[in-house]
Amino acid sequence: MELYGYMFDFSSCVGCLDKAWDFINNMPIEPNANVWVSFLGTCRIHNNVELAKRALEHIFEARP
């Protein structure tokens, strides 16, 4: 999970949110709530409301 976290951080920090979204959704392991919360924060930084809404759905699923 740590390696995936680094890859996600790199993609999202440079503003490639669509690539980061695809990366998270295609990981061979299930992303946990921490991944989605981190992605949500990146969406906030880059003002991407649509992906933030989708990330929130995953957070709510992971943390009922």
N, C-alpha and C. Protein backbone atom coordinates (compact mmCIF):
# COMPACT_ATOMS: atom_id res chain seq x y z
N MET A 1 0.83 -1.19 0.00
CA MET A 1 0.00 0.00 0.00
C MET A 1 0.88 1.26 0.00
N GLU A 2 2.03 1.17 0.65
CA GLU A 2 2.91 2.35 0.73
C GLU A 2 3.40 2.77 -0.66
N LEU A 3 3.80 1.80 -1.48
CA LEU A 3 4.25 2.11 -2.83
C LEU A 3 3.13 2.76 -3.64
N TYR A 4 1.92 2.26 -3.51
CA TYR A 4 0.79 2.86 -4.22
C TYR A 4 0.53 4.27 -3.73
N GLY A 5 0.74 4.49 -2.45
CA GLY A 5 0.58 5.83 -1.89
C GLY A 5 1.55 6.82 -2.51
N TYR A 6 2.79 6.39 -2.70
CA TYR A 6 3.78 7.27 -3.33
C TYR A 6 3.40 7.60 -4.76
N MET A 7 2.96 6.59 -5.50
CA MET A 7 2.56 6.82 -6.89
C MET A 7 1.37 7.76 -6.97
N PHE A 8 0.42 7.55 -6.08
CA PHE A 8 -0.76 8.41 -6.04
C PHE A 8 -0.37 9.84 -5.70
N ASP A 9 0.47 10.01 -4.68
CA ASP A 9 0.90 11.35 -4.27
C ASP A 9 1.59 12.08 -5.41
N PHE A 10 2.44 11.38 -6.13
CA PHE A 10 3.16 12.00 -7.24
C PHE A 10 2.18 12.46 -8.31
N SER A 11 1.26 11.59 -8.69
CA SER A 11 0.30 11.94 -9.74
C SER A 11 -0.59 13.11 -9.33
N SER A 12 -1.07 13.08 -8.12
CA SER A 12 -2.01 14.10 -7.69
C SER A 12 -1.33 15.43 -7.39
N CYS A 13 -0.11 15.41 -6.89
CA CYS A 13 0.57 16.66 -6.56
C CYS A 13 0.91 17.49 -7.79
N VAL A 14 1.13 16.83 -8.90
CA VAL A 14 1.45 17.58 -10.12
C VAL A 14 0.19 17.97 -10.87
N GLY A 15 -0.97 17.69 -10.28
CA GLY A 15 -2.23 18.14 -10.86
C GLY A 15 -2.86 17.18 -11.84
N CYS A 16 -2.36 15.97 -11.92
CA CYS A 16 -2.93 14.97 -12.83
C CYS A 16 -4.01 14.18 -12.11
N LEU A 17 -5.08 14.85 -11.75
CA LEU A 17 -6.11 14.20 -10.94
C LEU A 17 -6.81 13.07 -11.67
N ASP A 18 -7.03 13.22 -12.96
CA ASP A 18 -7.67 12.14 -13.71
C ASP A 18 -6.81 10.89 -13.72
N LYS A 19 -5.50 11.06 -13.88
CA LYS A 19 -4.59 9.91 -13.85
C LYS A 19 -4.54 9.31 -12.45
N ALA A 20 -4.54 10.16 -11.43
CA ALA A 20 -4.54 9.67 -10.06
C ALA A 20 -5.82 8.89 -9.77
N TRP A 21 -6.96 9.40 -10.25
CA TRP A 21 -8.25 8.71 -10.07
C TRP A 21 -8.19 7.33 -10.72
N ASP A 22 -7.70 7.27 -11.96
CA ASP A 22 -7.59 5.99 -12.65
C ASP A 22 -6.64 5.04 -11.92
N PHE A 23 -5.54 5.59 -11.43
CA PHE A 23 -4.57 4.77 -10.70
C PHE A 23 -5.21 4.15 -9.46
N ILE A 24 -5.91 4.96 -8.69
CA ILE A 24 -6.54 4.46 -7.46
C ILE A 24 -7.57 3.37 -7.80
N ASN A 25 -8.38 3.61 -8.80
CA ASN A 25 -9.43 2.66 -9.15
C ASN A 25 -8.93 1.39 -9.81
N ASN A 26 -7.69 1.39 -10.28
CA ASN A 26 -7.14 0.20 -10.93
C ASN A 26 -6.06 -0.49 -10.12
N MET A 27 -5.90 -0.08 -8.85
CA MET A 27 -4.93 -0.76 -8.00
C MET A 27 -5.38 -2.20 -7.78
N PRO A 28 -4.43 -3.14 -7.68
CA PRO A 28 -4.82 -4.53 -7.46
C PRO A 28 -5.33 -4.80 -6.04
N ILE A 29 -5.15 -3.83 -5.15
CA ILE A 29 -5.71 -3.96 -3.80
C ILE A 29 -6.74 -2.87 -3.60
N GLU A 30 -7.66 -3.09 -2.69
CA GLU A 30 -8.74 -2.14 -2.42
C GLU A 30 -8.17 -0.90 -1.71
N PRO A 31 -8.36 0.29 -2.29
CA PRO A 31 -7.89 1.49 -1.60
C PRO A 31 -8.68 1.72 -0.32
N ASN A 32 -7.97 2.09 0.73
CA ASN A 32 -8.65 2.32 2.00
C ASN A 32 -9.13 3.78 2.10
N ALA A 33 -9.78 4.09 3.20
CA ALA A 33 -10.34 5.43 3.39
C ALA A 33 -9.24 6.49 3.39
N ASN A 34 -8.05 6.16 3.89
CA ASN A 34 -6.96 7.13 3.93
C ASN A 34 -6.57 7.59 2.53
N VAL A 35 -6.59 6.68 1.57
CA VAL A 35 -6.28 7.04 0.19
C VAL A 35 -7.31 8.02 -0.33
N TRP A 36 -8.59 7.73 -0.07
CA TRP A 36 -9.66 8.60 -0.57
C TRP A 36 -9.65 9.96 0.12
N VAL A 37 -9.33 9.99 1.40
CA VAL A 37 -9.25 11.27 2.12
C VAL A 37 -8.10 12.11 1.55
N SER A 38 -6.99 11.47 1.27
CA SER A 38 -5.87 12.18 0.67
C SER A 38 -6.24 12.72 -0.71
N PHE A 39 -6.93 11.91 -1.49
CA PHE A 39 -7.37 12.35 -2.81
C PHE A 39 -8.35 13.51 -2.69
N LEU A 40 -9.23 13.45 -1.71
CA LEU A 40 -10.18 14.54 -1.48
C LEU A 40 -9.45 15.84 -1.20
N GLY A 41 -8.40 15.79 -0.39
CA GLY A 41 -7.61 16.98 -0.10
C GLY A 41 -6.94 17.54 -1.34
N THR A 42 -6.48 16.65 -2.20
CA THR A 42 -5.87 17.09 -3.45
C THR A 42 -6.90 17.73 -4.36
N CYS A 43 -8.10 17.18 -4.38
CA CYS A 43 -9.18 17.79 -5.17
C CYS A 43 -9.47 19.20 -4.68
N ARG A 44 -9.43 19.40 -3.38
CA ARG A 44 -9.67 20.72 -2.81
C ARG A 44 -8.59 21.71 -3.26
N ILE A 45 -7.35 21.26 -3.21
CA ILE A 45 -6.23 22.12 -3.62
C ILE A 45 -6.36 22.54 -5.08
N HIS A 46 -6.80 21.60 -5.92
CA HIS A 46 -6.89 21.86 -7.35
C HIS A 46 -8.30 22.27 -7.80
N ASN A 47 -9.18 22.51 -6.84
CA ASN A 47 -10.55 22.98 -7.12
C ASN A 47 -11.32 22.08 -8.08
N ASN A 48 -11.22 20.77 -7.88
CA ASN A 48 -11.95 19.83 -8.72
C ASN A 48 -13.11 19.27 -7.91
N VAL A 49 -14.26 19.92 -8.03
CA VAL A 49 -15.43 19.57 -7.23
C VAL A 49 -16.01 18.22 -7.65
N GLU A 50 -16.02 17.94 -8.94
CA GLU A 50 -16.63 16.70 -9.42
C GLU A 50 -15.91 15.46 -8.89
N LEU A 51 -14.59 15.46 -8.97
CA LEU A 51 -13.85 14.31 -8.44
C LEU A 51 -13.93 14.27 -6.92
N ALA A 52 -14.02 15.42 -6.28
CA ALA A 52 -14.17 15.46 -4.82
C ALA A 52 -15.47 14.78 -4.40
N LYS A 53 -16.53 15.02 -5.13
CA LYS A 53 -17.82 14.37 -4.82
C LYS A 53 -17.71 12.86 -4.95
N ARG A 54 -17.03 12.42 -5.98
CA ARG A 54 -16.87 10.98 -6.19
C ARG A 54 -15.99 10.36 -5.12
N ALA A 55 -14.95 11.09 -4.69
CA ALA A 55 -14.09 10.60 -3.61
C ALA A 55 -14.87 10.49 -2.31
N LEU A 56 -15.74 11.46 -2.05
CA LEU A 56 -16.57 11.42 -0.84
C LEU A 56 -17.45 10.18 -0.80
N GLU A 57 -17.98 9.79 -1.94
CA GLU A 57 -18.79 8.57 -1.99
C GLU A 57 -17.99 7.36 -1.52
N HIS A 58 -16.73 7.28 -1.94
CA HIS A 58 -15.87 6.17 -1.53
C HIS A 58 -15.53 6.26 -0.05
N ILE A 59 -15.34 7.46 0.45
CA ILE A 59 -15.06 7.63 1.88
C ILE A 59 -16.25 7.16 2.70
N PHE A 60 -17.45 7.55 2.30
CA PHE A 60 -18.64 7.14 3.03
C PHE A 60 -18.84 5.63 2.98
N GLU A 61 -18.46 5.00 1.87
CA GLU A 61 -18.55 3.54 1.77
C GLU A 61 -17.54 2.87 2.69
N ALA A 62 -16.35 3.45 2.78
CA ALA A 62 -15.29 2.85 3.60
C ALA A 62 -15.48 3.11 5.08
N ARG A 63 -16.13 4.22 5.41
CA ARG A 63 -16.36 4.58 6.81
C ARG A 63 -17.85 4.80 7.04
N PRO A 64 -18.58 3.70 7.22
CA PRO A 64 -20.04 3.86 7.40
C PRO A 64 -20.40 4.58 8.69
